[in-house]
Amino acid sequence: MKTHTVGVREFKNNATQLVRQVREQMTEIIVTLDGLPVAVLRPFTHEDSARQRSARMQNFAEKSADLASEIAAAWTGDLTAAEAVAEQRR
């Protein structure tokens, strides 16, 4: 992968073109501030996509568990939730 270094000012002034370069040419951009590297802009990989998908699934599972706990804490009926649903289907 080709690497290119730009200062933060150049990055700010040319962000659209630099992002396009990363996407189209698979270039990695190192952004510097006062000559020191502070960030890297690189192509989004399959591994990144898998990590993002996994994080979304984990977040969904956590929210689902929280909701289940909230429903269980507020449940006041004599029937279980499954029994209540079955009762509604009759």
N, C-alpha and C. Protein backbone atom coordinates (compact mmCIF):
# COMPACT_ATOMS: atom_id res chain seq x y z
N MET A 1 0.85 -1.18 0.00
CA MET A 1 0.00 0.00 0.00
C MET A 1 0.89 1.24 0.00
N LYS A 2 0.55 2.17 -0.82
CA LYS A 2 1.30 3.42 -0.93
C LYS A 2 0.92 4.33 0.24
N THR A 3 1.94 5.00 0.83
CA THR A 3 1.70 5.91 1.94
C THR A 3 2.08 7.32 1.53
N HIS A 4 1.26 8.27 1.99
CA HIS A 4 1.47 9.68 1.66
C HIS A 4 1.32 10.46 2.97
N THR A 5 2.19 11.42 3.22
CA THR A 5 2.13 12.23 4.44
C THR A 5 1.70 13.65 4.08
N VAL A 6 0.75 14.18 4.86
CA VAL A 6 0.30 15.57 4.65
C VAL A 6 0.18 16.25 6.00
N GLY A 7 0.41 17.54 6.01
CA GLY A 7 0.18 18.33 7.21
C GLY A 7 -1.31 18.53 7.42
N VAL A 8 -1.69 18.87 8.63
CA VAL A 8 -3.09 19.03 8.96
C VAL A 8 -3.75 20.13 8.12
N ARG A 9 -3.05 21.19 7.82
CA ARG A 9 -3.62 22.26 7.01
C ARG A 9 -3.90 21.76 5.59
N GLU A 10 -2.94 21.04 5.01
CA GLU A 10 -3.15 20.49 3.67
C GLU A 10 -4.31 19.49 3.70
N PHE A 11 -4.37 18.70 4.76
CA PHE A 11 -5.47 17.75 4.88
C PHE A 11 -6.82 18.48 4.91
N LYS A 12 -6.89 19.53 5.72
CA LYS A 12 -8.13 20.31 5.83
C LYS A 12 -8.52 20.90 4.47
N ASN A 13 -7.56 21.45 3.77
CA ASN A 13 -7.84 22.12 2.49
C ASN A 13 -8.17 21.14 1.37
N ASN A 14 -7.71 19.89 1.48
CA ASN A 14 -7.87 18.92 0.39
C ASN A 14 -8.54 17.63 0.83
N ALA A 15 -9.34 17.69 1.89
CA ALA A 15 -9.91 16.47 2.48
C ALA A 15 -10.66 15.62 1.46
N THR A 16 -11.50 16.23 0.66
CA THR A 16 -12.29 15.45 -0.31
C THR A 16 -11.40 14.71 -1.29
N GLN A 17 -10.41 15.41 -1.83
CA GLN A 17 -9.50 14.78 -2.80
C GLN A 17 -8.68 13.67 -2.12
N LEU A 18 -8.25 13.90 -0.89
CA LEU A 18 -7.44 12.90 -0.20
C LEU A 18 -8.27 11.65 0.13
N VAL A 19 -9.50 11.84 0.55
CA VAL A 19 -10.37 10.68 0.82
C VAL A 19 -10.62 9.91 -0.47
N ARG A 20 -10.84 10.62 -1.56
CA ARG A 20 -11.02 9.96 -2.86
C ARG A 20 -9.76 9.17 -3.23
N GLN A 21 -8.60 9.74 -2.98
CA GLN A 21 -7.33 9.06 -3.27
C GLN A 21 -7.21 7.78 -2.44
N VAL A 22 -7.58 7.84 -1.17
CA VAL A 22 -7.54 6.65 -0.32
C VAL A 22 -8.46 5.57 -0.89
N ARG A 23 -9.67 5.97 -1.26
CA ARG A 23 -10.66 5.01 -1.77
C ARG A 23 -10.25 4.43 -3.12
N GLU A 24 -9.85 5.27 -4.04
CA GLU A 24 -9.60 4.82 -5.40
C GLU A 24 -8.22 4.20 -5.61
N GLN A 25 -7.22 4.71 -4.90
CA GLN A 25 -5.85 4.23 -5.11
C GLN A 25 -5.34 3.39 -3.94
N MET A 26 -6.23 3.16 -2.94
CA MET A 26 -5.86 2.37 -1.75
C MET A 26 -4.60 2.94 -1.09
N THR A 27 -4.54 4.25 -1.04
CA THR A 27 -3.42 4.96 -0.43
C THR A 27 -3.69 5.18 1.04
N GLU A 28 -2.64 5.15 1.83
CA GLU A 28 -2.73 5.46 3.26
C GLU A 28 -2.18 6.87 3.45
N ILE A 29 -2.93 7.72 4.15
CA ILE A 29 -2.53 9.10 4.38
C ILE A 29 -2.16 9.26 5.86
N ILE A 30 -0.96 9.72 6.13
CA ILE A 30 -0.55 10.05 7.50
C ILE A 30 -0.68 11.55 7.65
N VAL A 31 -1.46 11.98 8.63
CA VAL A 31 -1.67 13.41 8.88
C VAL A 31 -0.74 13.84 10.01
N THR A 32 -0.03 14.94 9.78
CA THR A 32 0.91 15.43 10.79
C THR A 32 0.48 16.79 11.33
N LEU A 33 0.90 17.07 12.54
CA LEU A 33 0.69 18.37 13.18
C LEU A 33 2.04 18.77 13.73
N ASP A 34 2.52 19.89 13.28
CA ASP A 34 3.86 20.35 13.66
C ASP A 34 4.91 19.29 13.33
N GLY A 35 4.71 18.60 12.22
CA GLY A 35 5.66 17.60 11.75
C GLY A 35 5.57 16.25 12.42
N LEU A 36 4.68 16.09 13.40
CA LEU A 36 4.53 14.81 14.11
C LEU A 36 3.25 14.11 13.67
N PRO A 37 3.33 12.81 13.40
CA PRO A 37 2.13 12.07 12.99
C PRO A 37 1.07 12.09 14.09
N VAL A 38 -0.18 12.37 13.71
CA VAL A 38 -1.28 12.39 14.68
C VAL A 38 -2.46 11.51 14.26
N ALA A 39 -2.54 11.16 12.98
CA ALA A 39 -3.66 10.34 12.52
C ALA A 39 -3.29 9.64 11.23
N VAL A 40 -4.03 8.57 10.97
CA VAL A 40 -3.84 7.83 9.73
C VAL A 40 -5.21 7.65 9.08
N LEU A 41 -5.29 7.96 7.81
CA LEU A 41 -6.48 7.72 7.02
C LEU A 41 -6.14 6.59 6.07
N ARG A 42 -6.89 5.50 6.18
CA ARG A 42 -6.58 4.33 5.36
C ARG A 42 -7.86 3.74 4.80
N PRO A 43 -7.75 2.88 3.79
CA PRO A 43 -8.95 2.27 3.23
C PRO A 43 -9.68 1.43 4.29
N PHE A 44 -10.99 1.37 4.17
CA PHE A 44 -11.84 0.57 5.04
C PHE A 44 -11.77 -0.86 4.55
N THR A 45 -11.33 -1.79 5.40
CA THR A 45 -11.08 -3.17 4.99
C THR A 45 -12.25 -4.09 5.34
N HIS A 46 -12.16 -5.32 4.87
CA HIS A 46 -13.16 -6.34 5.22
C HIS A 46 -13.13 -6.59 6.73
N GLU A 47 -11.94 -6.53 7.31
CA GLU A 47 -11.82 -6.72 8.76
C GLU A 47 -12.53 -5.60 9.52
N ASP A 48 -12.39 -4.38 9.02
CA ASP A 48 -13.10 -3.24 9.62
C ASP A 48 -14.60 -3.46 9.55
N SER A 49 -15.07 -3.92 8.41
CA SER A 49 -16.49 -4.17 8.22
C SER A 49 -16.97 -5.25 9.18
N ALA A 50 -16.21 -6.31 9.33
CA ALA A 50 -16.58 -7.39 10.25
C ALA A 50 -16.60 -6.89 11.70
N ARG A 51 -15.62 -6.08 12.08
CA ARG A 51 -15.58 -5.51 13.43
C ARG A 51 -16.80 -4.62 13.67
N GLN A 52 -17.15 -3.81 12.68
CA GLN A 52 -18.29 -2.91 12.80
C GLN A 52 -19.59 -3.72 12.93
N ARG A 53 -19.73 -4.76 12.12
CA ARG A 53 -20.92 -5.61 12.18
C ARG A 53 -21.01 -6.30 13.54
N SER A 54 -19.88 -6.79 14.03
CA SER A 54 -19.85 -7.45 15.34
C SER A 54 -20.23 -6.47 16.46
N ALA A 55 -19.74 -5.25 16.38
CA ALA A 55 -20.06 -4.23 17.38
C ALA A 55 -21.55 -3.90 17.36
N ARG A 56 -22.13 -3.81 16.15
CA ARG A 56 -23.58 -3.55 16.05
C ARG A 56 -24.38 -4.68 16.65
N MET A 57 -23.96 -5.92 16.38
CA MET A 57 -24.67 -7.08 16.92
C MET A 57 -24.55 -7.12 18.44
N GLN A 58 -23.38 -6.81 18.97
CA GLN A 58 -23.16 -6.78 20.41
C GLN A 58 -24.04 -5.70 21.04
N ASN A 59 -24.10 -4.54 20.42
CA ASN A 59 -24.93 -3.45 20.92
C ASN A 59 -26.40 -3.85 20.93
N PHE A 60 -26.86 -4.51 19.87
CA PHE A 60 -28.24 -4.98 19.79
C PHE A 60 -28.53 -5.99 20.89
N ALA A 61 -27.60 -6.92 21.12
CA ALA A 61 -27.79 -7.93 22.16
C ALA A 61 -27.87 -7.28 23.54
N GLU A 62 -27.02 -6.30 23.78
CA GLU A 62 -27.04 -5.61 25.08
C GLU A 62 -28.35 -4.85 25.28
N LYS A 63 -28.83 -4.15 24.23
CA LYS A 63 -30.09 -3.43 24.33
C LYS A 63 -31.25 -4.39 24.53
N SER A 64 -31.20 -5.54 23.85
CA SER A 64 -32.26 -6.54 24.01
C SER A 64 -32.28 -7.09 25.43
N ALA A 65 -31.12 -7.34 25.99
CA ALA A 65 -31.04 -7.85 27.36
C ALA A 65 -31.55 -6.80 28.34
N ASP A 66 -31.20 -5.54 28.11
CA ASP A 66 -31.70 -4.46 28.97
C ASP A 66 -33.21 -4.36 28.90
N LEU A 67 -33.75 -4.46 27.70
CA LEU A 67 -35.20 -4.39 27.53
C LEU A 67 -35.88 -5.58 28.21
N ALA A 68 -35.31 -6.76 28.06
CA ALA A 68 -35.88 -7.94 28.71
C ALA A 68 -35.89 -7.78 30.22
N SER A 69 -34.82 -7.23 30.77
CA SER A 69 -34.76 -6.99 32.21
C SER A 69 -35.80 -5.97 32.64
N GLU A 70 -35.96 -4.93 31.86
CA GLU A 70 -36.94 -3.88 32.16
C GLU A 70 -38.36 -4.44 32.13
N ILE A 71 -38.66 -5.26 31.13
CA ILE A 71 -39.99 -5.87 31.03
C ILE A 71 -40.22 -6.81 32.20
N ALA A 72 -39.21 -7.64 32.52
CA ALA A 72 -39.35 -8.59 33.63
C ALA A 72 -39.58 -7.86 34.95
N ALA A 73 -38.90 -6.75 35.17
CA ALA A 73 -39.06 -6.00 36.42
C ALA A 73 -40.44 -5.37 36.52
N ALA A 74 -41.02 -5.01 35.39
CA ALA A 74 -42.33 -4.35 35.40
C ALA A 74 -43.50 -5.32 35.27
N TRP A 75 -43.21 -6.60 35.01
CA TRP A 75 -44.27 -7.59 34.78
C TRP A 75 -45.03 -7.85 36.07
N THR A 76 -46.33 -7.64 36.04
CA THR A 76 -47.14 -7.81 37.26
C THR A 76 -48.20 -8.89 37.13
N GLY A 77 -48.40 -9.43 35.95
CA GLY A 77 -49.46 -10.42 35.74
C GLY A 77 -49.11 -11.78 36.32
N ASP A 78 -50.14 -12.62 36.44
CA ASP A 78 -49.95 -13.99 36.92
C ASP A 78 -49.42 -14.90 35.83
N LEU A 79 -49.68 -14.53 34.58
CA LEU A 79 -49.21 -15.34 33.45
C LEU A 79 -47.79 -14.95 33.08
N THR A 80 -47.08 -15.90 32.47
CA THR A 80 -45.78 -15.55 31.89
C THR A 80 -46.03 -14.81 30.59
N ALA A 81 -45.01 -14.19 30.05
CA ALA A 81 -45.15 -13.48 28.79
C ALA A 81 -45.58 -14.43 27.68
N ALA A 82 -45.01 -15.63 27.66
CA ALA A 82 -45.37 -16.62 26.64
C ALA A 82 -46.84 -17.02 26.79
N GLU A 83 -47.29 -17.20 28.01
CA GLU A 83 -48.69 -17.56 28.25
C GLU A 83 -49.62 -16.42 27.83
N ALA A 84 -49.22 -15.18 28.10
CA ALA A 84 -50.04 -14.03 27.73
C ALA A 84 -50.15 -13.93 26.21
N VAL A 85 -49.06 -14.17 25.49
CA VAL A 85 -49.10 -14.13 24.03
C VAL A 85 -49.99 -15.25 23.51
N ALA A 86 -49.84 -16.45 24.07
CA ALA A 86 -50.68 -17.58 23.65
C ALA A 86 -52.15 -17.27 23.91
N GLU A 87 -52.44 -16.64 25.02
CA GLU A 87 -53.81 -16.28 25.36
C GLU A 87 -54.38 -15.31 24.33
N GLN A 88 -53.57 -14.36 23.86
CA GLN A 88 -54.02 -13.39 22.87
C GLN A 88 -54.29 -14.04 21.51
N ARG A 89 -53.61 -15.11 21.23
CA ARG A 89 -53.74 -15.77 19.93
C ARG A 89 -54.99 -16.64 19.83
N ARG A 90 -55.65 -16.89 20.93
CA ARG A 90 -56.85 -17.75 20.92
C ARG A 90 -58.02 -17.05 20.37
